[in-house]
Amino acid sequence: MLIFGSRLFISEPPFHTEWLQNNTDYAIQREKFAKCIASSGATMFGVDTCPYCQQQKKLFGTSFAEINYVNCDFDKLICQENNIYSYPIWEINGNLALGYQSFDQLAQLTNCTAPKL
């Protein structure tokens, strides 16, 4: 992750995304990680037009289907009730983590084991 002025730039993983998607061992680890995050009760709030939300989803690949996700474009009332007005936001153990979260950051917040290359 790089910060320039007031802009945040998130670097891509060290390997090509297609390789990560096709690496079976990594995919299995990533799915276990996503399931652990979901079972911890963590929820990601986002919207379809948010580029950081899209990047967060892309990090999980097909395993994002396991994540508890609230799309604030469609579930506006839930987001308003939880005072969610910026995206992405992760709600984990009653705390909010604003912005894109790396696997290592999510592992620290949820006590789940992040996938390793």
Protein backbone atom coordinates (compact mmCIF):
# COMPACT_ATOMS: atom_id res chain seq x y z
CA MET A 1 0.00 0.00 0.00
CA LEU A 2 1.36 3.41 -0.96
CA ILE A 3 0.14 6.79 0.22
CA PHE A 4 0.81 9.88 -1.91
CA GLY A 5 -0.58 13.13 -0.55
CA SER A 6 -4.23 12.48 0.21
CA ARG A 7 -4.53 9.59 -2.26
CA LEU A 8 -4.17 5.97 -1.31
CA PHE A 9 -2.82 3.57 -3.91
CA ILE A 10 -3.05 -0.13 -3.25
CA SER A 11 -0.42 -2.22 -4.92
CA GLU A 12 -1.35 -5.48 -6.60
CA PRO A 13 -0.28 -8.83 -5.14
CA PRO A 14 3.28 -9.83 -6.10
CA PHE A 15 2.05 -12.37 -8.65
CA HIS A 16 -0.33 -12.05 -11.56
CA THR A 17 -3.98 -12.33 -10.48
CA GLU A 18 -4.67 -15.12 -12.98
CA TRP A 19 -1.91 -17.22 -11.43
CA LEU A 20 -3.43 -16.68 -7.99
CA GLN A 21 -6.87 -17.68 -9.26
CA ASN A 22 -5.48 -20.90 -10.79
CA ASN A 23 -3.20 -21.94 -7.91
CA THR A 24 -5.22 -24.66 -6.21
CA ASP A 25 -3.43 -24.62 -2.84
CA TYR A 26 -3.72 -20.84 -2.56
CA ALA A 27 -7.40 -21.00 -3.60
CA ILE A 28 -8.11 -23.58 -0.88
CA GLN A 29 -6.34 -21.43 1.74
CA ARG A 30 -8.21 -18.34 0.55
CA GLU A 31 -11.57 -20.13 0.80
CA LYS A 32 -10.80 -21.36 4.34
CA PHE A 33 -9.78 -17.82 5.25
CA ALA A 34 -13.01 -16.36 3.84
CA LYS A 35 -15.09 -18.94 5.73
CA CYS A 36 -13.22 -18.17 8.96
CA ILE A 37 -13.83 -14.44 8.50
CA ALA A 38 -17.53 -15.10 7.90
CA SER A 39 -17.80 -17.36 10.95
CA SER A 40 -16.14 -14.66 13.07
CA GLY A 41 -19.17 -12.47 12.34
CA ALA A 42 -17.21 -9.91 10.30
CA THR A 43 -19.21 -8.03 7.65
CA MET A 44 -18.02 -5.93 4.74
CA PHE A 45 -20.17 -2.96 3.69
CA GLY A 46 -19.74 -1.57 0.20
CA VAL A 47 -21.33 -0.27 -2.98
CA ASP A 48 -20.99 -1.33 -6.62
CA THR A 49 -19.42 1.96 -7.76
CA CYS A 50 -16.59 1.92 -5.19
CA PRO A 51 -13.25 0.98 -6.80
CA TYR A 52 -11.75 -0.03 -3.44
CA CYS A 53 -14.74 -2.31 -2.80
CA GLN A 54 -14.16 -3.94 -6.18
CA GLN A 55 -10.47 -4.36 -5.39
CA GLN A 56 -11.34 -5.91 -2.00
CA LYS A 57 -13.68 -8.39 -3.70
CA LYS A 58 -11.04 -9.18 -6.32
CA LEU A 59 -8.53 -10.01 -3.57
CA PHE A 60 -10.82 -12.84 -2.42
CA GLY A 61 -11.67 -14.01 -5.94
CA THR A 62 -14.48 -16.56 -6.01
CA SER A 63 -14.14 -16.98 -2.23
CA PHE A 64 -15.75 -13.57 -1.75
CA ALA A 65 -19.08 -15.43 -1.97
CA GLU A 66 -18.30 -16.72 1.56
CA ILE A 67 -17.94 -13.20 3.02
CA ASN A 68 -20.83 -11.56 4.86
CA TYR A 69 -21.42 -8.63 2.54
CA VAL A 70 -23.95 -5.81 2.68
CA ASN A 71 -24.37 -3.89 -0.58
CA CYS A 72 -25.43 -0.43 0.54
CA ASP A 73 -26.81 0.30 -2.94
CA PHE A 74 -29.58 -2.21 -2.17
CA ASP A 75 -29.62 -2.37 1.64
CA LYS A 76 -29.60 1.37 2.37
CA LEU A 77 -31.59 1.05 5.59
CA ILE A 78 -29.14 -1.46 7.10
CA CYS A 79 -26.24 0.82 6.21
CA GLN A 80 -27.97 3.89 7.64
CA GLU A 81 -28.82 2.05 10.86
CA ASN A 82 -25.13 1.12 11.21
CA ASN A 83 -23.93 4.65 10.31
CA ILE A 84 -22.11 3.37 7.22
CA TYR A 85 -21.50 6.23 4.79
CA SER A 86 -18.02 5.47 3.44
CA TYR A 87 -16.81 2.33 1.69
CA PRO A 88 -15.53 -0.25 2.07
CA ILE A 89 -15.98 -0.68 5.79
CA TRP A 90 -15.50 -3.91 7.70
CA GLU A 91 -17.44 -4.38 10.94
CA ILE A 92 -15.48 -6.81 13.07
CA ASN A 93 -16.26 -7.56 16.72
CA GLY A 94 -18.20 -4.33 17.07
CA ASN A 95 -15.36 -2.22 15.63
CA LEU A 96 -15.18 -0.58 12.22
CA ALA A 97 -12.14 -0.89 9.92
CA LEU A 98 -12.38 1.75 7.20
CA GLY A 99 -11.02 1.09 3.73
CA TYR A 100 -9.41 -1.74 1.84
CA GLN A 101 -7.95 -4.35 4.19
CA SER A 102 -5.11 -6.69 3.24
CA PHE A 103 -5.32 -10.36 4.16
CA ASP A 104 -2.77 -9.74 6.92
CA GLN A 105 -4.87 -6.89 8.35
CA LEU A 106 -8.03 -9.01 8.24
CA ALA A 107 -6.17 -11.91 9.87
CA GLN A 108 -5.12 -9.66 12.77
CA LEU A 109 -8.65 -8.31 13.21
CA THR A 110 -10.39 -11.71 13.04
CA ASN A 111 -7.74 -14.12 14.39
CA CYS A 112 -8.09 -16.11 11.17
CA THR A 113 -5.06 -17.49 9.29
CA ALA A 114 -4.31 -15.54 6.12
CA PRO A 115 -3.43 -17.53 2.98
CA LYS A 116 0.27 -17.78 2.17
CA LEU A 117 1.83 -17.96 -1.28
